[in-house]
Protein backbone atom coordinates (compact mmCIF):
# COMPACT_ATOMS: atom_id res chain seq x y z
CA UNK A 1 8.97 2.57 -41.77
CA UNK A 2 9.97 2.63 -38.07
CA UNK A 3 7.66 1.70 -35.52
CA UNK A 4 6.68 5.31 -35.05
CA UNK A 5 6.14 8.22 -37.63
CA UNK A 6 9.35 10.27 -36.59
CA UNK A 7 9.64 14.08 -38.14
CA UNK A 8 12.83 16.03 -37.88
CA UNK A 9 12.90 19.96 -37.08
CA UNK A 10 15.39 20.25 -39.97
CA UNK A 11 16.12 18.26 -43.12
CA UNK A 12 18.97 16.32 -41.04
CA UNK A 13 18.61 12.70 -40.13
CA UNK A 14 19.30 10.53 -37.50
CA UNK A 15 23.09 10.39 -38.43
CA UNK A 16 24.07 13.38 -37.30
CA UNK A 17 26.80 14.03 -34.96
CA UNK A 18 26.62 13.38 -31.36
CA UNK A 19 27.71 16.89 -30.36
CA UNK A 20 24.41 18.01 -32.44
CA UNK A 21 22.16 16.05 -31.28
CA UNK A 22 22.91 16.57 -27.67
CA UNK A 23 22.46 19.89 -28.25
CA UNK A 24 19.04 19.34 -29.61
CA UNK A 25 15.57 19.49 -27.51
CA UNK A 26 12.61 17.13 -28.74
CA UNK A 27 8.78 16.83 -28.31
CA UNK A 28 6.53 13.95 -28.16
CA UNK A 29 2.88 14.82 -29.40
CA UNK A 30 0.00 13.17 -27.97
CA UNK A 31 -2.34 10.96 -29.82
CA UNK A 32 -4.47 13.31 -32.35
CA UNK A 33 -1.20 14.47 -33.79
CA UNK A 34 0.18 17.37 -34.50
CA UNK A 35 -1.73 18.85 -36.85
CA UNK A 36 -4.90 18.39 -34.14
CA UNK A 37 -5.56 22.41 -34.69
CA UNK A 38 -6.04 22.39 -30.88
CA UNK A 39 -3.74 20.96 -28.30
CA UNK A 40 -0.68 19.36 -30.11
CA UNK A 41 -0.68 22.08 -32.80
CA UNK A 42 -0.63 24.65 -30.14
CA UNK A 43 2.63 22.75 -28.69
CA UNK A 44 3.96 22.48 -32.22
CA UNK A 45 4.01 26.32 -32.88
CA UNK A 46 5.94 26.70 -29.82
CA UNK A 47 8.76 24.68 -30.71
CA UNK A 48 8.65 26.35 -34.39
CA UNK A 49 8.62 29.81 -32.80
CA UNK A 50 11.91 28.49 -30.92
CA UNK A 51 13.49 27.45 -34.59
CA UNK A 52 12.75 30.42 -36.08
CA UNK A 53 14.13 32.62 -33.38
CA UNK A 54 17.40 30.31 -32.79
CA UNK A 55 18.00 28.76 -36.01
CA UNK A 56 18.52 25.77 -33.84
CA UNK A 57 16.92 22.19 -34.76
CA UNK A 58 14.75 19.82 -32.86
CA UNK A 59 13.22 16.36 -33.21
CA UNK A 60 9.48 15.77 -33.01
CA UNK A 61 7.51 12.32 -32.86
CA UNK A 62 3.94 11.58 -33.50
CA UNK A 63 2.51 8.66 -31.79
CA UNK A 64 0.13 5.83 -33.32
CA UNK A 65 -0.33 3.87 -30.30
CA UNK A 66 -0.38 4.30 -26.50
CA UNK A 67 2.14 1.45 -26.24
CA UNK A 68 4.61 3.73 -27.76
CA UNK A 69 4.89 6.48 -25.30
CA UNK A 70 7.75 5.30 -23.16
CA UNK A 71 9.34 3.72 -25.76
CA UNK A 72 9.61 7.31 -27.81
CA UNK A 73 10.77 9.07 -24.32
CA UNK A 74 13.40 5.93 -24.12
CA UNK A 75 14.44 6.39 -27.45
CA UNK A 76 15.04 10.21 -27.17
CA UNK A 77 16.77 10.07 -24.04
CA UNK A 78 19.15 7.73 -25.70
CA UNK A 79 19.89 9.62 -28.97
CA UNK A 80 20.66 12.52 -25.86
CA UNK A 81 18.10 15.16 -26.97
CA UNK A 82 17.47 16.98 -24.28
CA UNK A 83 15.31 18.51 -22.55
CA UNK A 84 12.38 16.66 -23.83
CA UNK A 85 8.78 17.79 -23.80
CA UNK A 86 5.68 15.57 -24.13
CA UNK A 87 1.98 17.00 -24.29
CA UNK A 88 -0.50 15.52 -22.17
CA UNK A 89 -1.23 13.89 -18.81
CA UNK A 90 -1.31 10.34 -20.43
CA UNK A 91 2.32 9.92 -20.45
CA UNK A 92 3.04 10.50 -16.84
CA UNK A 93 3.17 6.74 -15.93
CA UNK A 94 5.62 5.91 -18.72
CA UNK A 95 7.85 9.16 -17.32
CA UNK A 96 7.82 7.92 -14.13
CA UNK A 97 9.55 4.64 -15.24
CA UNK A 98 12.12 6.67 -18.06
CA UNK A 99 13.19 9.58 -15.96
CA UNK A 100 14.83 7.86 -13.06
CA UNK A 101 16.96 5.95 -16.14
CA UNK A 102 18.12 9.29 -17.67
CA UNK A 103 19.07 11.37 -14.77
CA UNK A 104 21.08 13.88 -16.50
CA UNK A 105 18.10 14.60 -18.85
CA UNK A 106 15.47 17.00 -18.30
CA UNK A 107 11.92 16.13 -19.07
CA UNK A 108 8.83 18.78 -19.27
CA UNK A 109 5.16 16.98 -18.97
CA UNK A 110 2.41 19.48 -19.63
CA UNK A 111 -1.28 18.91 -17.94
CA UNK A 112 0.32 16.67 -15.58
CA UNK A 113 2.31 16.34 -12.43
CA UNK A 114 5.17 14.03 -11.99
CA UNK A 115 7.41 14.10 -8.94
CA UNK A 116 11.20 13.15 -10.03
CA UNK A 117 14.05 15.55 -9.80
CA UNK A 118 14.68 15.94 -13.37
CA UNK A 119 10.94 16.56 -14.45
CA UNK A 120 9.27 20.16 -15.04
CA UNK A 121 5.59 19.76 -14.28
CA UNK A 122 3.36 22.19 -16.22
CA UNK A 123 -0.07 22.50 -15.38
CA UNK A 124 -2.56 25.86 -16.72
CA UNK A 125 -5.40 27.18 -14.85
CA UNK A 126 -7.87 26.20 -17.90
CA UNK A 127 -10.76 26.99 -15.26
CA UNK A 128 -9.93 30.77 -15.33
CA UNK A 129 -10.31 30.68 -19.20
CA UNK A 130 -13.33 28.67 -19.36
CA UNK A 131 -15.16 31.02 -17.24
CA UNK A 132 -14.04 33.75 -19.72
CA UNK A 133 -15.69 31.59 -22.13
CA UNK A 134 -18.93 31.25 -19.88
CA UNK A 135 -19.43 35.02 -19.58
CA UNK A 136 -18.84 35.21 -23.30
CA UNK A 137 -21.49 32.29 -24.19
CA UNK A 138 -24.24 33.90 -21.88
CA UNK A 139 -23.71 37.27 -23.43
CA UNK A 140 -23.90 35.84 -27.14
CA UNK A 141 -26.66 33.15 -26.51
CA UNK A 142 -30.20 34.35 -27.38
CA UNK A 143 -32.00 30.88 -26.07
CA UNK A 144 -30.66 31.11 -22.96
CA UNK A 145 -29.18 27.64 -23.66
CA UNK A 146 -25.55 26.96 -24.45
CA UNK A 147 -23.40 23.87 -24.52
CA UNK A 148 -20.34 22.28 -23.53
CA UNK A 149 -18.52 19.20 -25.25
CA UNK A 150 -15.69 17.66 -24.09
CA UNK A 151 -13.10 15.21 -25.01
CA UNK A 152 -12.28 12.00 -22.89
CA UNK A 153 -13.92 11.97 -20.22
CA UNK A 154 -11.26 12.99 -16.87
CA UNK A 155 -11.01 15.23 -14.42
CA UNK A 156 -9.29 17.77 -16.54
CA UNK A 157 -12.04 18.01 -19.16
CA UNK A 158 -14.53 18.36 -16.22
CA UNK A 159 -12.08 21.48 -14.82
CA UNK A 160 -12.87 23.18 -18.16
CA UNK A 161 -16.45 22.54 -18.04
CA UNK A 162 -16.79 23.65 -14.33
CA UNK A 163 -15.37 26.78 -15.33
CA UNK A 164 -17.87 27.41 -17.84
CA UNK A 165 -20.74 26.63 -15.95
CA UNK A 166 -19.11 29.11 -13.18
CA UNK A 167 -18.98 31.90 -15.96
CA UNK A 168 -22.04 31.15 -17.75
CA UNK A 169 -24.25 31.05 -14.11
CA UNK A 170 -22.39 34.40 -13.08
CA UNK A 171 -23.35 36.21 -16.26
CA UNK A 172 -27.08 34.71 -16.69
CA UNK A 173 -27.88 32.52 -13.88
CA UNK A 174 -31.05 31.10 -15.27
CA UNK A 175 -29.09 29.62 -18.44
CA UNK A 176 -29.28 26.29 -19.13
CA UNK A 177 -25.64 24.68 -19.59
CA UNK A 178 -25.80 21.19 -21.67
CA UNK A 179 -22.91 19.15 -21.00
CA UNK A 180 -21.25 16.01 -23.25
CA UNK A 181 -18.18 14.21 -22.97
CA UNK A 182 -17.70 12.43 -26.37
CA UNK A 183 -16.37 8.97 -24.60
CA UNK A 184 -13.62 7.56 -21.99
CA UNK A 185 -10.89 6.32 -24.21
CA UNK A 186 -7.87 8.34 -25.84
CA UNK A 187 -9.91 7.74 -29.23
CA UNK A 188 -12.51 10.61 -28.02
CA UNK A 189 -9.82 12.93 -28.30
CA UNK A 190 -9.92 12.36 -32.57
CA UNK A 191 -13.43 11.69 -33.30
CA UNK A 192 -14.89 14.56 -35.39
CA UNK A 193 -17.86 12.62 -36.04
CA UNK A 194 -19.04 11.96 -32.88
CA UNK A 195 -18.74 15.76 -31.47
CA UNK A 196 -20.62 16.66 -35.02
CA UNK A 197 -23.42 14.22 -33.61
CA UNK A 198 -22.73 15.63 -29.99
CA UNK A 199 -23.55 19.26 -31.57
CA UNK A 200 -26.62 18.43 -33.42
CA UNK A 201 -28.25 17.06 -30.23
CA UNK A 202 -27.22 19.99 -28.22
CA UNK A 203 -28.70 22.41 -31.18
CA UNK A 204 -31.60 20.21 -31.00
CA UNK A 205 -32.16 20.97 -27.18
CA UNK A 206 -31.86 24.96 -27.68
CA UNK A 207 -28.51 25.48 -27.62
CA UNK A 208 -26.72 28.12 -29.61
CA UNK A 209 -23.27 29.00 -28.22
CA UNK A 210 -21.20 25.73 -27.98
CA UNK A 211 -17.67 25.18 -26.33
CA UNK A 212 -15.69 22.77 -26.89
CA UNK A 213 -12.83 21.14 -25.33
CA UNK A 214 -12.31 18.05 -27.08
CA UNK A 215 -9.09 18.02 -29.01
CA UNK A 216 -9.29 17.21 -32.85
CA UNK A 217 -12.76 16.29 -31.99
CA UNK A 218 -13.71 19.82 -31.45
CA UNK A 219 -12.97 20.40 -35.33
CA UNK A 220 -16.32 18.46 -35.90
CA UNK A 221 -18.20 20.58 -33.14
CA UNK A 222 -16.76 23.93 -34.92
CA UNK A 223 -17.82 22.59 -38.74
CA UNK A 224 -21.21 21.23 -37.76
CA UNK A 225 -21.92 24.80 -35.56
CA UNK A 226 -21.00 26.85 -38.63
CA UNK A 227 -23.63 24.69 -40.89
CA UNK A 228 -26.19 25.00 -38.34
CA UNK A 229 -25.83 28.78 -37.70
CA UNK A 230 -24.85 29.00 -34.39
CA UNK A 231 -21.37 30.10 -32.40
CA UNK A 232 -18.71 27.62 -31.22
CA UNK A 233 -15.93 28.46 -28.70
CA UNK A 234 -12.23 27.22 -29.91
CA UNK A 235 -10.12 25.94 -27.38
CA UNK A 236 -6.30 25.60 -26.81
CA UNK A 237 -4.90 27.09 -30.26
CA UNK A 238 -6.70 30.02 -31.27
CA UNK A 239 -9.28 28.61 -33.84
CA UNK A 240 -11.12 31.78 -34.73
CA UNK A 241 -9.92 30.97 -38.42
CA UNK A 242 -11.53 27.72 -38.95
CA UNK A 243 -14.67 29.46 -39.26
CA UNK A 244 -15.01 33.24 -39.36
CA UNK A 245 -17.76 34.83 -38.31
CA UNK A 246 -19.11 31.65 -36.56
CA UNK A 247 -16.58 30.92 -33.82
CA UNK A 248 -17.28 33.67 -31.03
CA UNK A 249 -13.49 32.96 -29.86
CA UNK A 250 -11.48 30.74 -28.38
CA UNK A 251 -9.97 29.67 -25.10
CA UNK A 252 -6.27 30.08 -25.77
CA UNK A 253 -4.19 27.53 -23.01
CA UNK A 254 -0.84 28.62 -24.23
CA UNK A 255 0.89 25.29 -24.52
CA UNK A 256 3.12 27.42 -26.78
CA UNK A 257 4.61 29.02 -24.60
CA UNK A 258 5.60 26.00 -22.25
CA UNK A 259 7.24 24.75 -25.15
CA UNK A 260 8.95 27.82 -26.32
CA UNK A 261 10.20 28.08 -22.55
CA UNK A 262 11.57 24.69 -22.26
CA UNK A 263 13.27 24.74 -25.60
CA UNK A 264 14.97 28.21 -24.82
CA UNK A 265 16.17 27.03 -21.06
CA UNK A 266 17.70 23.88 -22.74
CA UNK A 267 19.49 21.60 -20.41
CA UNK A 268 19.82 23.89 -17.89
CA UNK A 269 15.36 24.05 -17.34
CA UNK A 270 14.37 24.29 -13.72
CA UNK A 271 12.36 21.47 -12.53
CA UNK A 272 9.93 21.30 -10.58
CA UNK A 273 6.14 22.95 -10.46
CA UNK A 274 4.95 25.26 -13.43
CA UNK A 275 1.62 27.14 -13.74
CA UNK A 276 0.32 29.02 -16.01
CA UNK A 277 -2.88 31.02 -15.95
CA UNK A 278 -4.33 34.60 -16.75
CA UNK A 279 -2.03 36.28 -14.53
CA UNK A 280 0.98 35.48 -16.15
CA UNK A 281 -0.14 34.88 -19.69
CA UNK A 282 -0.41 31.14 -19.58
CA UNK A 283 -4.52 31.71 -20.53
CA UNK A 284 -6.10 34.23 -22.90
CA UNK A 285 -9.20 34.42 -24.98
CA UNK A 286 -8.66 35.53 -28.49
CA UNK A 287 -9.43 38.21 -30.49
CA UNK A 288 -8.90 39.00 -34.08
CA UNK A 289 -9.85 39.94 -37.99
CA UNK A 290 -12.15 36.60 -37.88
CA UNK A 291 -14.25 37.42 -35.01
CA UNK A 292 -14.26 40.64 -34.37
CA UNK A 293 -17.69 41.32 -36.24
CA UNK A 294 -19.42 39.09 -33.76
CA UNK A 295 -17.26 39.70 -30.39
CA UNK A 296 -19.30 42.61 -29.73
CA UNK A 297 -18.44 45.62 -27.44
CA UNK A 298 -20.67 44.06 -24.75
CA UNK A 299 -19.12 41.22 -25.04
CA UNK A 300 -15.55 42.11 -24.48
CA UNK A 301 -16.17 44.52 -21.88
CA UNK A 302 -17.84 41.62 -19.84
CA UNK A 303 -14.79 39.33 -20.51
CA UNK A 304 -12.38 41.85 -19.67
CA UNK A 305 -14.30 42.45 -16.49
CA UNK A 306 -14.15 38.93 -15.36
CA UNK A 307 -10.54 38.75 -16.52
CA UNK A 308 -9.48 41.74 -14.40
CA UNK A 309 -11.51 40.32 -11.22
CA UNK A 310 -9.99 36.66 -11.87
CA UNK A 311 -6.59 38.33 -11.83
CA UNK A 312 -7.18 40.38 -8.99
CA UNK A 313 -8.53 37.47 -6.60
CA UNK A 314 -11.88 39.30 -6.37
CA UNK A 315 -13.42 35.82 -8.31
CA UNK A 316 -12.84 32.87 -7.42
CA UNK A 317 -13.02 30.29 -10.27
CA UNK A 318 -13.65 26.75 -9.01
CA UNK A 319 -10.60 24.41 -9.36
CA UNK A 320 -12.74 21.10 -10.26
CA UNK A 321 -9.20 18.99 -9.80
CA UNK A 322 -8.92 20.01 -5.91
CA UNK A 323 -11.83 17.82 -5.21
CA UNK A 324 -13.69 16.72 -8.35
CA UNK A 325 -16.99 18.38 -8.08
CA UNK A 326 -18.07 21.56 -9.21
CA UNK A 327 -20.40 23.34 -6.74
CA UNK A 328 -22.15 25.77 -9.41
CA UNK A 329 -23.92 22.29 -11.57
């Protein structure tokens, strides 16, 4: 087996023709894996949609260590894949080194800005979707205490938390929001056991709705919330199906849209800064058969009202990344 697990978007192997390789886009998933039921999996859905609609092939790489980031990007660029999409801020330093060596290859990084002429930087207004989750949590809570469990303690996840708190406090000013981060290393994205422990601790403090923004760790949060009879809120992908009747809703960060758009534009994609939020469909909430019984008309009305006001500019949601502070905490 090679130094990393490589999966092809078709049954083809590396020994395909040079012409075919040059026509193929590629994606590298962050640690936590393609099937994390969250961030990476959302990205994979975008690639799969592109393949289904076009009949085209693409290459995928799942890493097993931090050291493989630069190796993966360089390997794909040398093979002629174009564009190359990577999921996660942690690719930034590797991309800064690799991109200048392949000026004719287009790269797309999600959740970070890399200022290179052949790079598209895609960022999301996660604070907007998290505000809606705060509104929903406050409306659904009976105890007046709700929770937030983040993955790795970084400004991006604090951005989720701050928007959530702002939404809670705008809806129920006297409610309490308990916050915990899973850890300070990338392992925090894939620790469902720790997620379960933090969930139990928050429930013991009275939390009856818990929002997880923690990648694969969130699976443990949602499972424990279901076991303990409280509501959870999913993130990135629509996670309502994991525990029907227990997951109140999911904050959908449309990473799939970012990947699909990049693959569709191909080697001609426009580089630069790309922002996705509520107004352009990059952020939303999930309502389906799995949660329609608990996402009441009252909750939906409040969330839809907040959504409209954020889009119109009437509600300003604070962006933690702008000054690393959260004025509502």
